[in-house]
Amino acid sequence: MKKSLIATLLCASSALAIAAPAPVEDLGSGSSDQRLQRIERIVKAKQQADFALQQQVDRLQQDVQDLRGLIEQQNYQLEQMQQRQRQLYDDIAKLQQGAAAKPVAVSAASVAVTPTSTVATSTLGETASYENAVNLVLKQRQYDQAIPAFKQFIATYPKSTYAANANYWLGQLLYNKAELADAKVAFDTVVTDFPQSNKRADSLVKLGLIAEKSNQVPLAKTLYTQVSKEYPDSSAARIAAQQLAGL
């Protein structure tokens, strides 16, 4: 019982020690030089704390982007599998129709199959090109090589299912290199040309960040407000709200 009481008192004293407020320097005492030195120490400590916090935020944002990239990669791989499955079903149906038709009809069907094969080959090239560009970012970490890969994909397949994501990836890579003008073009493309894309909200946020870095605070506020109104329950809206509060 005595040991238990002693342990309880020790815990209580430890809790009080932890809860006790940190000592505060008396800025009003001492000479002018001493007060100035104390203020400088406080300011320096604050700056160091802010810098460390910003580094943590940057790392967290990068982690979120990497996770989004992995999710995106899984999504397009699933879409690719579904597309191939639909193509297989179509091919099987055409073969069955050809077997039941007359010889002349079979010949016509054979001619009709050729464009389908061409489309399938084109689709495979499209997916492989996009996958290669994404892998340069997520797997190989070759960011400089990924930029021309995404540019080539966008130029070759401007209306692709992956075009919005490719423009977003390109914008993000250029943004990370501080090539803000080119990054803005890529994000603007997502916002303007792909209004149904799930990358549109994130692109608006990035445009807001670019506006901030370009000292266009009113434009940044407008973009952040737009995200909050159009995508109120999204993670992009939460980031926009945080940025808006800091302006």
C-alpha atoms as a PDB file:
ATOM      1  CA  MET A   1       0.000   0.000   0.000  1.00  0.00           C
ATOM      2  CA  LYS A   2       2.854   2.329   0.907  1.00  0.00           C
ATOM      3  CA  LYS A   3       4.696   1.524  -2.323  1.00  0.00           C
ATOM      4  CA  SER A   4       1.521   2.166  -4.292  1.00  0.00           C
ATOM      5  CA  LEU A   5       1.030   5.552  -2.630  1.00  0.00           C
ATOM      6  CA  ILE A   6       4.654   6.538  -3.327  1.00  0.00           C
ATOM      7  CA  ALA A   7       4.258   5.535  -6.973  1.00  0.00           C
ATOM      8  CA  THR A   8       1.060   7.574  -7.248  1.00  0.00           C
ATOM      9  CA  LEU A   9       2.760  10.653  -5.785  1.00  0.00           C
ATOM     10  CA  LEU A  10       5.699  10.254  -8.158  1.00  0.00           C
ATOM     11  CA  CYS A  11       3.331  10.062 -11.137  1.00  0.00           C
ATOM     12  CA  ALA A  12       1.437  13.107  -9.968  1.00  0.00           C
ATOM     13  CA  SER A  13       4.616  15.114  -9.513  1.00  0.00           C
ATOM     14  CA  SER A  14       5.797  14.090 -12.966  1.00  0.00           C
ATOM     15  CA  ALA A  15       2.500  15.191 -14.501  1.00  0.00           C
ATOM     16  CA  LEU A  16       2.755  18.549 -12.803  1.00  0.00           C
ATOM     17  CA  ALA A  17       6.288  18.957 -14.075  1.00  0.00           C
ATOM     18  CA  ILE A  18       5.174  18.236 -17.610  1.00  0.00           C
ATOM     19  CA  ALA A  19       2.143  20.506 -17.375  1.00  0.00           C
ATOM     20  CA  ALA A  20       4.152  23.376 -15.903  1.00  0.00           C
ATOM     21  CA  PRO A  21       4.557  26.196 -18.374  1.00  0.00           C
ATOM     22  CA  ALA A  22       7.967  26.835 -19.855  1.00  0.00           C
ATOM     23  CA  PRO A  23       9.835  29.746 -18.283  1.00  0.00           C
ATOM     24  CA  VAL A  24       9.331  33.020 -20.060  1.00  0.00           C
ATOM     25  CA  GLU A  25      12.172  35.450 -20.455  1.00  0.00           C
ATOM     26  CA  ASP A  26      11.622  38.848 -18.891  1.00  0.00           C
ATOM     27  CA  LEU A  27      12.037  41.169 -21.846  1.00  0.00           C
ATOM     28  CA  GLY A  28      11.704  44.254 -19.682  1.00  0.00           C
ATOM     29  CA  SER A  29      14.754  43.725 -17.444  1.00  0.00           C
ATOM     30  CA  GLY A  30      18.410  44.366 -18.212  1.00  0.00           C
ATOM     31  CA  SER A  31      20.085  46.799 -20.519  1.00  0.00           C
ATOM     32  CA  SER A  32      18.879  47.678 -23.988  1.00  0.00           C
ATOM     33  CA  ASP A  33      21.471  45.360 -25.543  1.00  0.00           C
ATOM     34  CA  GLN A  34      20.422  42.482 -23.310  1.00  0.00           C
ATOM     35  CA  ARG A  35      16.744  42.998 -24.138  1.00  0.00           C
ATOM     36  CA  LEU A  36      17.586  43.169 -27.844  1.00  0.00           C
ATOM     37  CA  GLN A  37      19.603  39.949 -27.606  1.00  0.00           C
ATOM     38  CA  ARG A  38      16.712  38.185 -25.872  1.00  0.00           C
ATOM     39  CA  ILE A  39      14.282  39.346 -28.560  1.00  0.00           C
ATOM     40  CA  GLU A  40      16.674  38.173 -31.284  1.00  0.00           C
ATOM     41  CA  ARG A  41      16.920  34.742 -29.631  1.00  0.00           C
ATOM     42  CA  ILE A  42      13.145  34.463 -29.481  1.00  0.00           C
ATOM     43  CA  VAL A  43      12.746  35.512 -33.124  1.00  0.00           C
ATOM     44  CA  LYS A  44      15.452  33.073 -34.228  1.00  0.00           C
ATOM     45  CA  ALA A  45      13.826  30.221 -32.312  1.00  0.00           C
ATOM     46  CA  LYS A  46      10.465  31.080 -33.888  1.00  0.00           C
ATOM     47  CA  GLN A  47      11.990  31.108 -37.377  1.00  0.00           C
ATOM     48  CA  GLN A  48      13.653  27.746 -36.798  1.00  0.00           C
ATOM     49  CA  ALA A  49      10.375  26.258 -35.567  1.00  0.00           C
ATOM     50  CA  ASP A  50       8.501  27.649 -38.588  1.00  0.00           C
ATOM     51  CA  PHE A  51      11.133  26.264 -40.956  1.00  0.00           C
ATOM     52  CA  ALA A  52      10.953  22.815 -39.375  1.00  0.00           C
ATOM     53  CA  LEU A  53       7.156  22.880 -39.558  1.00  0.00           C
ATOM     54  CA  GLN A  54       7.247  23.864 -43.236  1.00  0.00           C
ATOM     55  CA  GLN A  55       9.617  20.978 -43.961  1.00  0.00           C
ATOM     56  CA  GLN A  56       7.187  18.585 -42.291  1.00  0.00           C
ATOM     57  CA  VAL A  57       4.298  19.992 -44.324  1.00  0.00           C
ATOM     58  CA  ASP A  58       6.294  19.640 -47.551  1.00  0.00           C
ATOM     59  CA  ARG A  59       7.131  16.017 -46.748  1.00  0.00           C
ATOM     60  CA  LEU A  60       3.511  15.243 -45.938  1.00  0.00           C
ATOM     61  CA  GLN A  61       2.335  16.835 -49.192  1.00  0.00           C
ATOM     62  CA  GLN A  62       4.864  14.767 -51.141  1.00  0.00           C
ATOM     63  CA  ASP A  63       3.688  11.601 -49.369  1.00  0.00           C
ATOM     64  CA  VAL A  64       0.100  12.426 -50.283  1.00  0.00           C
ATOM     65  CA  GLN A  65       1.084  12.981 -53.911  1.00  0.00           C
ATOM     66  CA  ASP A  66       2.927   9.657 -53.997  1.00  0.00           C
ATOM     67  CA  LEU A  67      -0.100   7.868 -52.557  1.00  0.00           C
ATOM     68  CA  ARG A  68      -2.370   9.528 -55.106  1.00  0.00           C
ATOM     69  CA  GLY A  69       0.006   8.423 -57.816  1.00  0.00           C
ATOM     70  CA  LEU A  70      -0.145   4.818 -56.645  1.00  0.00           C
ATOM     71  CA  ILE A  71      -3.938   4.925 -56.531  1.00  0.00           C
ATOM     72  CA  GLU A  72      -4.013   6.454 -59.995  1.00  0.00           C
ATOM     73  CA  GLN A  73      -1.689   3.736 -61.306  1.00  0.00           C
ATOM     74  CA  GLN A  74      -3.940   1.025 -59.875  1.00  0.00           C
ATOM     75  CA  ASN A  75      -7.002   2.683 -61.382  1.00  0.00           C
ATOM     76  CA  TYR A  76      -5.675   2.857 -64.913  1.00  0.00           C
ATOM     77  CA  GLN A  77      -4.352  -0.710 -64.665  1.00  0.00           C
ATOM     78  CA  LEU A  78      -7.862  -1.798 -63.704  1.00  0.00           C
ATOM     79  CA  GLU A  79      -9.310   0.227 -66.590  1.00  0.00           C
ATOM     80  CA  GLN A  80      -6.811  -1.415 -68.926  1.00  0.00           C
ATOM     81  CA  MET A  81      -7.870  -4.896 -67.788  1.00  0.00           C
ATOM     82  CA  GLN A  82     -11.535  -4.042 -68.223  1.00  0.00           C
ATOM     83  CA  GLN A  83     -10.906  -2.596 -71.666  1.00  0.00           C
ATOM     84  CA  ARG A  84      -9.032  -5.703 -72.778  1.00  0.00           C
ATOM     85  CA  GLN A  85     -11.806  -7.877 -71.396  1.00  0.00           C
ATOM     86  CA  ARG A  86     -14.430  -5.929 -73.343  1.00  0.00           C
ATOM     87  CA  GLN A  87     -12.289  -6.193 -76.475  1.00  0.00           C
ATOM     88  CA  LEU A  88     -12.000  -9.947 -75.973  1.00  0.00           C
ATOM     89  CA  TYR A  89     -15.764 -10.279 -75.649  1.00  0.00           C
ATOM     90  CA  ASP A  90     -16.224  -8.247 -78.842  1.00  0.00           C
ATOM     91  CA  ASP A  91     -13.741 -10.425 -80.720  1.00  0.00           C
ATOM     92  CA  ILE A  92     -15.454 -13.608 -79.537  1.00  0.00           C
ATOM     93  CA  ALA A  93     -18.857 -12.273 -80.594  1.00  0.00           C
ATOM     94  CA  LYS A  94     -17.535 -11.346 -84.049  1.00  0.00           C
ATOM     95  CA  LEU A  95     -15.979 -14.779 -84.485  1.00  0.00           C
ATOM     96  CA  GLN A  96     -19.258 -16.429 -83.562  1.00  0.00           C
ATOM     97  CA  GLN A  97     -21.145 -14.235 -86.010  1.00  0.00           C
ATOM     98  CA  GLY A  98     -18.589 -15.009 -88.746  1.00  0.00           C
ATOM     99  CA  ALA A  99     -18.897 -18.758 -88.207  1.00  0.00           C
ATOM    100  CA  ALA A 100     -22.677 -18.619 -88.602  1.00  0.00           C
ATOM    101  CA  ALA A 101     -22.668 -16.339 -91.680  1.00  0.00           C
ATOM    102  CA  LYS A 102     -22.414 -17.209 -95.387  1.00  0.00           C
ATOM    103  CA  PRO A 103     -18.968 -17.257 -97.096  1.00  0.00           C
ATOM    104  CA  VAL A 104     -19.518 -13.832 -98.658  1.00  0.00           C
ATOM    105  CA  ALA A 105     -20.635 -12.416 -95.340  1.00  0.00           C
ATOM    106  CA  VAL A 106     -17.607 -14.001 -93.692  1.00  0.00           C
ATOM    107  CA  SER A 107     -15.347 -12.198 -96.180  1.00  0.00           C
ATOM    108  CA  ALA A 108     -17.027  -8.905 -95.373  1.00  0.00           C
ATOM    109  CA  ALA A 109     -16.691  -9.597 -91.689  1.00  0.00           C
ATOM    110  CA  SER A 110     -12.996 -10.269 -92.146  1.00  0.00           C
ATOM    111  CA  VAL A 111     -12.581  -6.892 -93.788  1.00  0.00           C
ATOM    112  CA  ALA A 112     -14.508  -5.273 -90.948  1.00  0.00           C
ATOM    113  CA  VAL A 113     -12.288  -6.872 -88.311  1.00  0.00           C
ATOM    114  CA  THR A 114      -9.127  -5.153 -89.595  1.00  0.00           C
ATOM    115  CA  PRO A 115      -9.947  -1.645 -88.263  1.00  0.00           C
ATOM    116  CA  THR A 116     -10.810  -3.175 -84.887  1.00  0.00           C
ATOM    117  CA  SER A 117      -7.376  -4.788 -84.711  1.00  0.00           C
ATOM    118  CA  THR A 118      -5.779  -1.462 -85.576  1.00  0.00           C
ATOM    119  CA  VAL A 119      -7.735   0.269 -82.806  1.00  0.00           C
ATOM    120  CA  ALA A 120      -6.675  -2.412 -80.320  1.00  0.00           C
ATOM    121  CA  THR A 121      -3.015  -1.928 -81.265  1.00  0.00           C
ATOM    122  CA  SER A 122      -3.374   1.832 -80.948  1.00  0.00           C
ATOM    123  CA  THR A 123      -4.986   1.477 -77.520  1.00  0.00           C
ATOM    124  CA  LEU A 124      -2.200  -0.798 -76.331  1.00  0.00           C
ATOM    125  CA  GLY A 125       0.399   1.746 -77.454  1.00  0.00           C
ATOM    126  CA  GLU A 126      -1.481   4.508 -75.675  1.00  0.00           C
ATOM    127  CA  THR A 127      -1.650   2.644 -72.364  1.00  0.00           C
ATOM    128  CA  ALA A 128       1.952   1.501 -72.543  1.00  0.00           C
ATOM    129  CA  SER A 129       3.138   5.057 -73.255  1.00  0.00           C
ATOM    130  CA  TYR A 130       1.254   6.445 -70.282  1.00  0.00           C
ATOM    131  CA  GLU A 131       2.388   3.645 -68.000  1.00  0.00           C
ATOM    132  CA  ASN A 132       5.994   4.231 -69.012  1.00  0.00           C
ATOM    133  CA  ALA A 133       5.760   7.937 -68.135  1.00  0.00           C
ATOM    134  CA  VAL A 134       4.131   7.220 -64.764  1.00  0.00           C
ATOM    135  CA  ASN A 135       6.709   4.566 -63.905  1.00  0.00           C
ATOM    136  CA  LEU A 136       9.490   7.069 -64.514  1.00  0.00           C
ATOM    137  CA  VAL A 137       8.005   9.045 -61.605  1.00  0.00           C
ATOM    138  CA  LEU A 138       6.758   6.408 -59.180  1.00  0.00           C
ATOM    139  CA  LYS A 139       9.213   3.554 -59.675  1.00  0.00           C
ATOM    140  CA  GLN A 140      12.389   4.955 -61.178  1.00  0.00           C
ATOM    141  CA  ARG A 141      12.239   8.474 -59.692  1.00  0.00           C
ATOM    142  CA  GLN A 142      13.617   9.878 -62.943  1.00  0.00           C
ATOM    143  CA  TYR A 143      11.679  13.122 -62.819  1.00  0.00           C
ATOM    144  CA  ASP A 144      13.601  14.967 -65.533  1.00  0.00           C
ATOM    145  CA  GLN A 145      13.082  12.077 -67.965  1.00  0.00           C
ATOM    146  CA  ALA A 146       9.400  11.881 -67.066  1.00  0.00           C
ATOM    147  CA  ILE A 147       8.728  15.441 -68.282  1.00  0.00           C
ATOM    148  CA  PRO A 148       9.445  14.762 -71.999  1.00  0.00           C
ATOM    149  CA  ALA A 149       7.689  11.387 -71.664  1.00  0.00           C
ATOM    150  CA  PHE A 150       4.459  13.060 -70.544  1.00  0.00           C
ATOM    151  CA  LYS A 151       4.828  15.782 -73.180  1.00  0.00           C
ATOM    152  CA  GLN A 152       5.189  13.143 -75.886  1.00  0.00           C
ATOM    153  CA  PHE A 153       2.163  11.246 -74.609  1.00  0.00           C
ATOM    154  CA  ILE A 154       0.019  14.402 -74.563  1.00  0.00           C
ATOM    155  CA  ALA A 155       1.121  15.325 -78.083  1.00  0.00           C
ATOM    156  CA  THR A 156       0.409  11.835 -79.409  1.00  0.00           C
ATOM    157  CA  TYR A 157      -2.843  11.165 -77.511  1.00  0.00           C
ATOM    158  CA  PRO A 158      -4.408  14.591 -76.717  1.00  0.00           C
ATOM    159  CA  LYS A 159      -7.897  13.087 -76.295  1.00  0.00           C
ATOM    160  CA  SER A 160      -6.814  10.009 -74.355  1.00  0.00           C
ATOM    161  CA  THR A 161      -8.618   8.795 -71.255  1.00  0.00           C
ATOM    162  CA  TYR A 162      -5.353   9.502 -69.453  1.00  0.00           C
ATOM    163  CA  ALA A 163      -4.801  12.952 -70.976  1.00  0.00           C
ATOM    164  CA  ALA A 164      -6.084  14.851 -67.929  1.00  0.00           C
ATOM    165  CA  ASN A 165      -3.892  12.844 -65.564  1.00  0.00           C
ATOM    166  CA  ALA A 166      -0.903  13.194 -67.888  1.00  0.00           C
ATOM    167  CA  ASN A 167      -1.298  16.993 -67.917  1.00  0.00           C
ATOM    168  CA  TYR A 168      -1.586  17.004 -64.139  1.00  0.00           C
ATOM    169  CA  TRP A 169       1.563  14.894 -63.732  1.00  0.00           C
ATOM    170  CA  LEU A 170       3.390  17.187 -66.155  1.00  0.00           C
ATOM    171  CA  GLY A 171       2.247  20.271 -64.257  1.00  0.00           C
ATOM    172  CA  GLN A 172       3.345  18.770 -60.942  1.00  0.00           C
ATOM    173  CA  LEU A 173       6.799  17.880 -62.258  1.00  0.00           C
ATOM    174  CA  LEU A 174       7.272  21.364 -63.718  1.00  0.00           C
ATOM    175  CA  TYR A 175       5.959  22.954 -60.502  1.00  0.00           C
ATOM    176  CA  ASN A 176       8.521  21.011 -58.468  1.00  0.00           C
ATOM    177  CA  LYS A 177      11.250  22.423 -60.738  1.00  0.00           C
ATOM    178  CA  ALA A 178       9.881  25.956 -60.195  1.00  0.00           C
ATOM    179  CA  GLU A 179       9.011  26.235 -63.900  1.00  0.00           C
ATOM    180  CA  LEU A 180       5.789  27.952 -62.926  1.00  0.00           C
ATOM    181  CA  ALA A 181       4.759  29.350 -66.320  1.00  0.00           C
ATOM    182  CA  ASP A 182       4.857  25.934 -68.011  1.00  0.00           C
ATOM    183  CA  ALA A 183       3.263  24.279 -64.984  1.00  0.00           C
ATOM    184  CA  LYS A 184       0.405  26.794 -65.158  1.00  0.00           C
ATOM    185  CA  VAL A 185      -0.251  25.835 -68.792  1.00  0.00           C
ATOM    186  CA  ALA A 186      -0.532  22.152 -67.852  1.00  0.00           C
ATOM    187  CA  PHE A 187      -2.857  22.770 -64.891  1.00  0.00           C
ATOM    188  CA  ASP A 188      -4.960  25.206 -66.946  1.00  0.00           C
ATOM    189  CA  THR A 189      -5.402  22.452 -69.547  1.00  0.00           C
ATOM    190  CA  VAL A 190      -6.830  20.106 -66.929  1.00  0.00           C
ATOM    191  CA  VAL A 191      -9.212  22.759 -65.592  1.00  0.00           C
ATOM    192  CA  THR A 192     -10.397  23.976 -68.997  1.00  0.00           C
ATOM    193  CA  ASP A 193     -10.335  20.899 -71.231  1.00  0.00           C
ATOM    194  CA  PHE A 194     -11.281  18.184 -68.730  1.00  0.00           C
ATOM    195  CA  PRO A 195     -14.023  19.560 -66.465  1.00  0.00           C
ATOM    196  CA  GLN A 196     -15.073  16.054 -65.334  1.00  0.00           C
ATOM    197  CA  SER A 197     -11.575  14.950 -64.370  1.00  0.00           C
ATOM    198  CA  ASN A 198     -10.881  13.986 -60.772  1.00  0.00           C
ATOM    199  CA  LYS A 199      -7.666  16.024 -61.111  1.00  0.00           C
ATOM    200  CA  ARG A 200      -9.489  19.305 -61.746  1.00  0.00           C
ATOM    201  CA  ALA A 201      -9.819  20.262 -58.070  1.00  0.00           C
ATOM    202  CA  ASP A 202      -6.145  19.538 -57.402  1.00  0.00           C
ATOM    203  CA  SER A 203      -5.205  21.522 -60.511  1.00  0.00           C
ATOM    204  CA  LEU A 204      -7.156  24.535 -59.233  1.00  0.00           C
ATOM    205  CA  VAL A 205      -5.256  24.335 -55.944  1.00  0.00           C
ATOM    206  CA  LYS A 206      -1.963  24.192 -57.811  1.00  0.00           C
ATOM    207  CA  LEU A 207      -2.972  27.230 -59.863  1.00  0.00           C
ATOM    208  CA  GLY A 208      -3.689  29.007 -56.581  1.00  0.00           C
ATOM    209  CA  LEU A 209      -0.232  28.117 -55.264  1.00  0.00           C
ATOM    210  CA  ILE A 210       1.347  29.374 -58.482  1.00  0.00           C
ATOM    211  CA  ALA A 211      -0.617  32.624 -58.156  1.00  0.00           C
ATOM    212  CA  GLU A 212       0.677  32.987 -54.582  1.00  0.00           C
ATOM    213  CA  LYS A 213       4.277  32.437 -55.655  1.00  0.00           C
ATOM    214  CA  SER A 214       3.741  34.996 -58.431  1.00  0.00           C
ATOM    215  CA  ASN A 215       2.456  37.570 -55.908  1.00  0.00           C
ATOM    216  CA  GLN A 216      -1.056  37.427 -57.407  1.00  0.00           C
ATOM    217  CA  VAL A 217      -2.845  37.175 -54.076  1.00  0.00           C
ATOM    218  CA  PRO A 218      -6.338  38.215 -55.316  1.00  0.00           C
ATOM    219  CA  LEU A 219      -6.195  35.538 -58.022  1.00  0.00           C
ATOM    220  CA  ALA A 220      -5.046  32.949 -55.490  1.00  0.00           C
ATOM    221  CA  LYS A 221      -7.987  33.816 -53.225  1.00  0.00           C
ATOM    222  CA  THR A 222     -10.391  33.475 -56.155  1.00  0.00           C
ATOM    223  CA  LEU A 223      -9.021  30.048 -57.072  1.00  0.00           C
ATOM    224  CA  TYR A 224      -9.091  28.734 -53.507  1.00  0.00           C
ATOM    225  CA  THR A 225     -12.656  29.978 -53.070  1.00  0.00           C
ATOM    226  CA  GLN A 226     -13.646  28.277 -56.331  1.00  0.00           C
ATOM    227  CA  VAL A 227     -12.276  24.956 -55.059  1.00  0.00           C
ATOM    228  CA  SER A 228     -14.181  25.284 -51.783  1.00  0.00           C
ATOM    229  CA  LYS A 229     -17.439  26.015 -53.616  1.00  0.00           C
ATOM    230  CA  GLU A 230     -17.169  23.410 -56.383  1.00  0.00           C
ATOM    231  CA  TYR A 231     -15.561  20.596 -54.366  1.00  0.00           C
ATOM    232  CA  PRO A 232     -16.605  21.284 -50.747  1.00  0.00           C
ATOM    233  CA  ASP A 233     -15.997  17.761 -49.394  1.00  0.00           C
ATOM    234  CA  SER A 234     -12.693  17.060 -51.148  1.00  0.00           C
ATOM    235  CA  SER A 235      -9.160  16.987 -49.769  1.00  0.00           C
ATOM    236  CA  ALA A 236      -8.371  19.737 -52.278  1.00  0.00           C
ATOM    237  CA  ALA A 237     -10.975  21.957 -50.594  1.00  0.00           C
ATOM    238  CA  ARG A 238      -9.335  21.411 -47.222  1.00  0.00           C
ATOM    239  CA  ILE A 239      -5.937  22.431 -48.620  1.00  0.00           C
ATOM    240  CA  ALA A 240      -7.534  25.440 -50.310  1.00  0.00           C
ATOM    241  CA  ALA A 241      -9.128  26.498 -47.017  1.00  0.00           C
ATOM    242  CA  GLN A 242      -5.778  26.271 -45.223  1.00  0.00           C
ATOM    243  CA  GLN A 243      -4.059  28.338 -47.902  1.00  0.00           C
ATOM    244  CA  LEU A 244      -6.887  30.868 -47.921  1.00  0.00           C
ATOM    245  CA  ALA A 245      -6.627  31.276 -44.158  1.00  0.00           C
ATOM    246  CA  GLY A 246      -2.940  32.080 -44.492  1.00  0.00           C
ATOM    247  CA  LEU A 247      -3.413  34.879 -47.020  1.00  0.00           C
END
